[in-house]
Amino acid sequence: MSCPRLKDWIGERFDLAGVAAAAGKKLVPVHGRDIWYYTGGIVLFLLAIQVLTGLVLAFYYIPYFEVAHKSVIDIVTKLNMGWFFRSLHHWGAQLAILVMFVHIFATLLLKSYRKPRELQWVSGFFLLGIFIFFGLSGYFLLWDERAFAAVRVATGGAGNLPFFGGWIRAFLRGGIDVTGETLTRFYAFHVSVLPLLTLAVLGFHLLLVLFHGMSVPLSQKWRNLRQVPFFPNVFYRDLMIWLVVLGVVVTLATLLPPDIAKKADPLAPPPEGVKPEWYFLFLFQTLKLFPGSLAGMNGETIAIVFIGLAILFLFLVPFFDKKSSLEERSPLFTVIGLAYLLYFVVMTIVGYLT
């Protein structure tokens, strides 16, 4: 079938011209801060890389604690290009979470969450949580001593939450302690539950973006901004940025393949100097700020409650920031956003260096 006939055949069954026309009518405002619009597209592109590389790895990974670590070693050492796909999956996850944080903080500081986009913020916040859990569950699938210690600490911290902490810890671990049952449970989360949640929440988020369009910063709101069609102008820019991101991911995957520690031994003490992944370091350092006991209460429990309240406040910012909803400047919430960003960056750096 020739190309013109194939195009006509597809056109009779799918309204491609209508889709292209609709995309062309979708306008995107141009201003000094529109670079932050592209962070969402970068996350979407990195997610596509994760899906493709994850599918390849899933064919050879064995989610059973006695052979899980060996299956990863076999993927890296025996499978043709296996080391590259595993490294690409690792760095794709790291960059996806990093860009997701950038996207969240850009939305926070530019007040893009303001009415009527509150639900976009809520769905984006849920996506960040899903991505972090993706990272934690995928890290644990290595079944090495560092991942084992990190998951034991993370699930133990969740267990310090009041009222429901014990239930959450037991649910995540699949029992009292981290065992082979935890590995099976995390594998189910990683390849089944979390992808379905991502599909649902991401679809809802993109639907809201299409419906409400791109948010304009308050500082640019009253200017006569030029608008360009999403297709082809913005779409082609997205493609160029994705090519750059692909080059970065491939370079990191080739030059800095992640290592694998010794196989986990549930009866052995955790290795010295073990740290969680970088996106947990600010929480790790926050826990260190609290003493073991405070006013007769467990210091770690108080720290977890404090962290939970801080995250809850950030989650509810669109509903607290009334001035931004009225299209008025809101310097107080700008300061709050900068404080959150500064705390996250400083505590992450301190956790990395100490």
Protein backbone atom coordinates (compact mmCIF):
# COMPACT_ATOMS: atom_id res chain seq x y z
CA MET A 1 0.00 0.00 0.00
CA SER A 2 1.53 3.31 -1.11
CA CYS A 3 1.98 6.19 1.33
CA PRO A 4 -0.88 8.34 -0.08
CA ARG A 5 -3.26 5.37 -0.03
CA LEU A 6 -2.15 4.46 3.49
CA LYS A 7 -2.74 8.05 4.60
CA ASP A 8 -6.22 8.02 3.07
CA TRP A 9 -6.97 4.64 4.66
CA ILE A 10 -6.00 5.92 8.11
CA GLY A 11 -7.81 9.22 7.49
CA GLU A 12 -11.07 7.39 6.81
CA ARG A 13 -10.88 5.68 10.21
CA PHE A 14 -9.30 8.39 12.35
CA ASP A 15 -9.99 12.09 12.11
CA LEU A 16 -6.32 13.05 12.01
CA ALA A 17 -7.05 16.32 10.25
CA GLY A 18 -9.53 17.22 12.98
CA VAL A 19 -7.00 16.39 15.69
CA ALA A 20 -4.34 18.51 13.97
CA ALA A 21 -6.81 21.38 13.56
CA ALA A 22 -7.80 21.18 17.23
CA ALA A 23 -4.14 21.17 18.27
CA GLY A 24 -3.50 24.15 16.01
CA LYS A 25 -6.31 26.10 17.70
CA LYS A 26 -4.79 25.47 21.13
CA LEU A 27 -2.83 28.63 21.90
CA VAL A 28 0.08 28.99 24.30
CA PRO A 29 1.03 32.43 25.71
CA VAL A 30 4.58 33.65 25.17
CA HIS A 31 6.31 35.48 28.02
CA GLY A 32 9.57 35.63 29.95
CA ARG A 33 8.81 32.61 32.10
CA ASP A 34 7.27 30.26 29.55
CA ILE A 35 10.36 28.02 29.74
CA TRP A 36 8.74 26.35 32.77
CA TYR A 37 5.91 25.11 30.55
CA TYR A 38 8.30 22.59 29.01
CA THR A 39 9.14 20.83 32.29
CA GLY A 40 5.81 19.00 32.17
CA GLY A 41 6.59 17.71 28.69
CA ILE A 42 10.03 16.56 29.84
CA VAL A 43 8.43 14.51 32.62
CA LEU A 44 6.07 12.95 30.09
CA PHE A 45 8.99 12.06 27.79
CA LEU A 46 11.03 10.55 30.63
CA LEU A 47 7.99 8.54 31.68
CA ALA A 48 7.83 7.08 28.16
CA ILE A 49 11.50 6.06 28.47
CA GLN A 50 10.72 4.39 31.80
CA VAL A 51 7.86 2.41 30.30
CA LEU A 52 9.95 1.12 27.38
CA THR A 53 13.05 0.24 29.41
CA GLY A 54 10.92 -1.21 32.21
CA LEU A 55 9.19 -3.54 29.77
CA VAL A 56 12.55 -4.84 28.56
CA LEU A 57 13.82 -5.43 32.10
CA ALA A 58 10.58 -7.10 33.19
CA PHE A 59 11.17 -9.91 30.68
CA TYR A 60 14.30 -11.02 32.55
CA TYR A 61 13.83 -9.93 36.16
CA ILE A 62 12.72 -12.62 38.65
CA PRO A 63 10.76 -11.17 41.61
CA TYR A 64 11.73 -13.84 44.13
CA PHE A 65 14.07 -12.92 46.95
CA GLU A 66 16.38 -15.92 46.53
CA VAL A 67 17.19 -15.12 42.90
CA ALA A 68 16.18 -11.44 42.44
CA HIS A 69 19.68 -10.10 43.03
CA LYS A 70 21.22 -12.70 40.71
CA SER A 71 18.68 -11.91 37.99
CA VAL A 72 19.77 -8.26 38.05
CA ILE A 73 23.42 -9.33 37.85
CA ASP A 74 22.56 -11.57 34.90
CA ILE A 75 20.74 -8.73 33.14
CA VAL A 76 23.79 -6.50 33.51
CA THR A 77 26.50 -9.06 32.68
CA LYS A 78 24.93 -11.65 30.38
CA LEU A 79 22.09 -9.99 28.48
CA ASN A 80 23.10 -8.18 25.31
CA MET A 81 22.87 -4.42 26.11
CA GLY A 82 21.24 -5.34 29.40
CA TRP A 83 23.57 -3.05 31.36
CA PHE A 84 22.54 -0.14 29.12
CA PHE A 85 18.79 -0.68 29.52
CA ARG A 86 19.17 -1.04 33.28
CA SER A 87 21.32 2.11 33.44
CA LEU A 88 18.90 3.99 31.18
CA HIS A 89 16.01 2.97 33.44
CA HIS A 90 17.93 4.12 36.52
CA TRP A 91 18.88 7.54 35.17
CA GLY A 92 15.48 8.05 33.57
CA ALA A 93 13.90 7.58 37.01
CA GLN A 94 16.37 9.96 38.67
CA LEU A 95 15.78 12.71 36.11
CA ALA A 96 12.01 12.18 36.04
CA ILE A 97 11.78 12.77 39.80
CA LEU A 98 14.18 15.73 39.59
CA VAL A 99 12.22 17.44 36.81
CA MET A 100 8.98 16.65 38.63
CA PHE A 101 10.29 18.54 41.66
CA VAL A 102 11.30 21.44 39.38
CA HIS A 103 7.82 21.42 37.82
CA ILE A 104 6.12 21.43 41.24
CA PHE A 105 8.26 24.27 42.62
CA ALA A 106 7.85 26.32 39.42
CA THR A 107 4.08 25.90 39.71
CA LEU A 108 4.26 26.92 43.36
CA LEU A 109 6.34 30.07 42.83
CA LEU A 110 4.49 31.20 39.70
CA LYS A 111 1.12 30.68 41.46
CA SER A 112 -0.03 28.46 38.59
CA TYR A 113 -2.20 26.59 41.09
CA ARG A 114 -4.63 29.50 41.48
CA LYS A 115 -8.29 29.31 40.56
CA PRO A 116 -9.51 27.48 38.51
CA ARG A 117 -6.43 25.19 38.43
CA GLU A 118 -6.54 23.86 41.99
CA LEU A 119 -7.21 20.31 40.81
CA GLN A 120 -4.22 20.49 38.45
CA TRP A 121 -2.04 21.15 41.50
CA VAL A 122 -3.72 18.33 43.44
CA SER A 123 -3.25 15.80 40.62
CA GLY A 124 0.34 16.97 40.05
CA PHE A 125 1.06 16.55 43.76
CA PHE A 126 -0.30 13.00 43.63
CA LEU A 127 1.89 12.30 40.59
CA LEU A 128 4.97 13.44 42.51
CA GLY A 129 4.10 11.03 45.32
CA ILE A 130 3.57 8.21 42.81
CA PHE A 131 6.93 8.94 41.15
CA ILE A 132 8.72 8.84 44.51
CA PHE A 133 7.08 5.53 45.36
CA PHE A 134 8.09 4.30 41.89
CA GLY A 135 11.68 5.18 42.76
CA LEU A 136 11.55 3.51 46.18
CA SER A 137 9.91 0.31 44.93
CA GLY A 138 12.21 0.04 41.93
CA TYR A 139 15.27 0.60 44.12
CA PHE A 140 14.19 -2.26 46.38
CA LEU A 141 13.91 -4.68 43.46
CA LEU A 142 17.71 -4.85 43.38
CA TRP A 143 17.50 -6.78 46.67
CA ASP A 144 20.94 -5.52 47.69
CA GLU A 145 21.98 -4.46 51.19
CA ARG A 146 21.63 -0.72 50.60
CA ALA A 147 18.14 -0.99 49.14
CA PHE A 148 17.11 -3.36 51.90
CA ALA A 149 18.29 -0.95 54.61
CA ALA A 150 16.70 2.05 52.90
CA VAL A 151 13.30 0.35 52.58
CA ARG A 152 13.44 -0.85 56.18
CA VAL A 153 14.04 2.76 57.30
CA ALA A 154 11.38 4.23 54.97
CA THR A 155 8.65 1.77 55.94
CA GLY A 156 9.67 2.04 59.59
CA GLY A 157 9.28 5.81 59.40
CA ALA A 158 5.79 5.41 57.95
CA GLY A 159 5.01 3.16 60.88
CA ASN A 160 5.63 6.06 63.28
CA LEU A 161 2.60 7.94 61.98
CA PRO A 162 -0.11 8.22 64.66
CA PHE A 163 -3.19 6.00 64.51
CA PHE A 164 -2.63 4.35 61.10
CA GLY A 165 1.17 4.06 61.11
CA GLY A 166 1.31 0.42 62.16
CA TRP A 167 -1.24 -0.59 59.54
CA ILE A 168 0.61 1.31 56.80
CA ARG A 169 3.93 -0.31 57.74
CA ALA A 170 2.40 -3.80 57.76
CA PHE A 171 0.66 -3.16 54.45
CA LEU A 172 3.86 -1.97 52.74
CA ARG A 173 6.03 -4.73 54.20
CA GLY A 174 3.51 -7.52 53.90
CA GLY A 175 4.27 -8.46 57.49
CA ILE A 176 6.08 -7.33 60.61
CA ASP A 177 9.53 -6.89 59.03
CA VAL A 178 11.03 -6.45 55.56
CA THR A 179 11.20 -9.91 53.98
CA GLY A 180 10.83 -11.67 50.66
CA GLU A 181 7.10 -10.95 50.95
CA THR A 182 7.98 -7.24 50.83
CA LEU A 183 9.88 -7.78 47.58
CA THR A 184 6.87 -9.48 45.98
CA ARG A 185 4.61 -6.70 47.20
CA PHE A 186 6.90 -3.93 45.93
CA TYR A 187 7.18 -5.67 42.56
CA ALA A 188 3.39 -5.72 42.30
CA PHE A 189 3.30 -2.03 43.16
CA HIS A 190 6.03 -1.21 40.65
CA VAL A 191 4.71 -3.06 37.60
CA SER A 192 0.96 -3.05 38.21
CA VAL A 193 -0.55 -0.73 40.81
CA LEU A 194 1.61 2.35 40.26
CA PRO A 195 1.41 2.28 36.42
CA LEU A 196 -2.39 2.10 36.60
CA LEU A 197 -2.49 4.97 39.10
CA THR A 198 -0.10 6.97 36.91
CA LEU A 199 -2.25 6.42 33.84
CA ALA A 200 -5.40 7.56 35.65
CA VAL A 201 -3.92 10.60 37.44
CA LEU A 202 -1.80 11.70 34.47
CA GLY A 203 -4.79 11.43 32.12
CA PHE A 204 -6.85 13.57 34.51
CA HIS A 205 -4.00 16.09 34.82
CA LEU A 206 -3.54 16.41 31.04
CA LEU A 207 -7.28 16.74 30.55
CA LEU A 208 -7.31 19.69 32.95
CA VAL A 209 -4.34 21.26 31.15
CA LEU A 210 -6.18 20.99 27.84
CA PHE A 211 -9.35 22.42 29.36
CA HIS A 212 -7.82 25.35 31.26
CA GLY A 213 -4.80 26.02 29.08
CA MET A 214 -1.45 27.32 30.30
CA SER A 215 -1.42 29.53 33.36
CA VAL A 216 0.06 33.02 32.98
CA PRO A 217 2.13 34.41 35.90
CA LEU A 218 0.50 37.28 37.77
CA SER A 219 3.36 39.58 36.77
CA GLN A 220 2.48 38.96 33.09
CA LYS A 221 -1.28 38.78 33.50
CA TRP A 222 -2.18 42.27 32.35
CA ARG A 223 0.23 42.50 29.44
CA ASN A 224 -0.86 42.02 25.87
CA LEU A 225 0.89 38.69 25.44
CA ARG A 226 1.51 37.12 22.07
CA GLN A 227 0.08 33.63 21.70
CA VAL A 228 1.34 30.86 19.44
CA PRO A 229 -0.44 27.65 18.42
CA PHE A 230 0.58 24.52 20.27
CA PHE A 231 0.95 22.67 16.96
CA PRO A 232 3.39 23.00 15.32
CA ASN A 233 5.20 25.81 17.20
CA VAL A 234 5.28 24.55 20.79
CA PHE A 235 5.17 20.88 19.81
CA TYR A 236 8.35 21.19 17.72
CA ARG A 237 10.09 22.97 20.59
CA ASP A 238 9.04 20.11 22.84
CA LEU A 239 10.59 17.65 20.39
CA MET A 240 13.88 19.56 20.33
CA ILE A 241 14.02 19.64 24.13
CA TRP A 242 13.20 15.92 24.28
CA LEU A 243 16.14 15.20 21.95
CA VAL A 244 18.45 17.11 24.30
CA VAL A 245 17.04 15.24 27.30
CA LEU A 246 17.48 11.93 25.49
CA GLY A 247 21.12 12.84 24.86
CA VAL A 248 21.61 13.64 28.56
CA VAL A 249 19.99 10.38 29.71
CA VAL A 250 21.96 8.26 27.24
CA THR A 251 25.22 10.00 28.20
CA LEU A 252 24.64 9.44 31.90
CA ALA A 253 23.57 5.84 31.30
CA THR A 254 26.72 5.16 29.26
CA LEU A 255 29.31 6.96 31.39
CA LEU A 256 27.84 6.44 34.87
CA PRO A 257 26.13 3.04 35.06
CA PRO A 258 24.82 2.43 38.60
CA ASP A 259 26.59 -0.15 40.69
CA ILE A 260 24.99 -3.02 42.59
CA ALA A 261 25.83 -3.72 46.22
CA LYS A 262 26.05 -7.13 47.87
CA LYS A 263 22.96 -9.29 48.10
CA ALA A 264 20.68 -8.36 50.99
CA ASP A 265 20.87 -10.43 54.14
CA PRO A 266 17.82 -9.79 56.37
CA LEU A 267 19.76 -11.00 59.43
CA ALA A 268 22.84 -8.83 58.86
CA PRO A 269 23.20 -5.31 60.30
CA PRO A 270 22.78 -2.43 57.83
CA PRO A 271 26.00 -1.30 56.11
CA GLU A 272 27.75 1.73 57.60
CA GLY A 273 26.95 5.11 56.09
CA VAL A 274 23.92 3.87 54.19
CA LYS A 275 21.73 6.69 52.90
CA PRO A 276 18.36 6.83 51.17
CA GLU A 277 18.01 8.05 47.62
CA TRP A 278 18.61 11.79 47.13
CA TYR A 279 14.89 12.66 47.06
CA PHE A 280 14.54 11.31 50.62
CA LEU A 281 17.61 13.08 52.02
CA PHE A 282 15.71 16.17 53.18
CA LEU A 283 13.39 13.93 55.20
CA PHE A 284 16.36 11.94 56.51
CA GLN A 285 18.07 15.14 57.70
CA THR A 286 14.85 16.46 59.24
CA LEU A 287 14.60 13.34 61.39
CA LYS A 288 18.12 14.04 62.65
CA LEU A 289 17.04 17.45 63.95
CA PHE A 290 14.76 15.86 66.54
CA PRO A 291 16.07 14.18 69.70
CA GLY A 292 15.19 10.59 70.53
CA SER A 293 12.74 11.77 73.17
CA LEU A 294 10.93 15.11 73.40
CA ALA A 295 8.53 16.04 76.19
CA GLY A 296 8.13 12.38 77.05
CA MET A 297 7.20 11.48 73.46
CA ASN A 298 9.11 9.61 70.78
CA GLY A 299 11.13 12.18 68.86
CA GLU A 300 10.85 10.33 65.54
CA THR A 301 7.06 10.26 65.85
CA ILE A 302 7.01 14.02 66.44
CA ALA A 303 9.28 14.53 63.44
CA ILE A 304 7.05 12.40 61.20
CA VAL A 305 3.96 14.36 62.34
CA PHE A 306 5.78 17.65 61.70
CA ILE A 307 6.83 16.53 58.21
CA GLY A 308 3.31 15.26 57.48
CA LEU A 309 1.75 18.59 58.47
CA ALA A 310 4.26 20.52 56.34
CA ILE A 311 3.45 18.34 53.32
CA LEU A 312 -0.29 18.66 53.98
CA PHE A 313 -0.01 22.46 54.11
CA LEU A 314 1.87 22.47 50.79
CA PHE A 315 -0.80 20.21 49.31
CA LEU A 316 -3.54 22.65 50.40
CA VAL A 317 -1.76 25.86 49.34
CA PRO A 318 -4.21 26.60 46.46
CA PHE A 319 -7.08 26.66 48.96
CA PHE A 320 -5.22 28.88 51.45
CA ASP A 321 -3.89 31.44 48.96
CA LYS A 322 -7.00 33.56 48.54
CA LYS A 323 -5.22 36.58 47.04
CA SER A 324 -3.85 34.63 44.10
CA SER A 325 -7.33 33.24 43.44
CA LEU A 326 -8.51 36.84 43.13
CA GLU A 327 -5.66 37.56 40.65
CA GLU A 328 -3.89 39.69 43.27
CA ARG A 329 -0.22 39.53 44.21
CA SER A 330 0.47 37.23 47.13
CA PRO A 331 3.94 37.97 48.56
CA LEU A 332 3.34 35.88 51.69
CA PHE A 333 2.92 32.67 49.68
CA THR A 334 5.89 33.61 47.51
CA VAL A 335 8.01 33.70 50.68
CA ILE A 336 6.47 30.40 51.83
CA GLY A 337 7.25 28.81 48.47
CA LEU A 338 10.85 30.05 48.58
CA ALA A 339 11.18 28.74 52.15
CA TYR A 340 10.03 25.28 51.06
CA LEU A 341 12.41 25.32 48.09
CA LEU A 342 15.37 26.55 50.14
CA TYR A 343 14.76 23.98 52.86
CA PHE A 344 14.51 21.14 50.35
CA VAL A 345 17.71 22.15 48.53
CA VAL A 346 19.80 22.89 51.65
CA MET A 347 18.77 19.75 53.53
CA THR A 348 19.36 17.60 50.44
CA ILE A 349 22.86 19.02 50.01
CA VAL A 350 23.63 18.63 53.74
CA GLY A 351 22.34 15.04 53.65
CA TYR A 352 24.48 14.27 50.61
CA LEU A 353 27.68 15.76 52.07
CA THR A 354 27.44 14.46 55.63
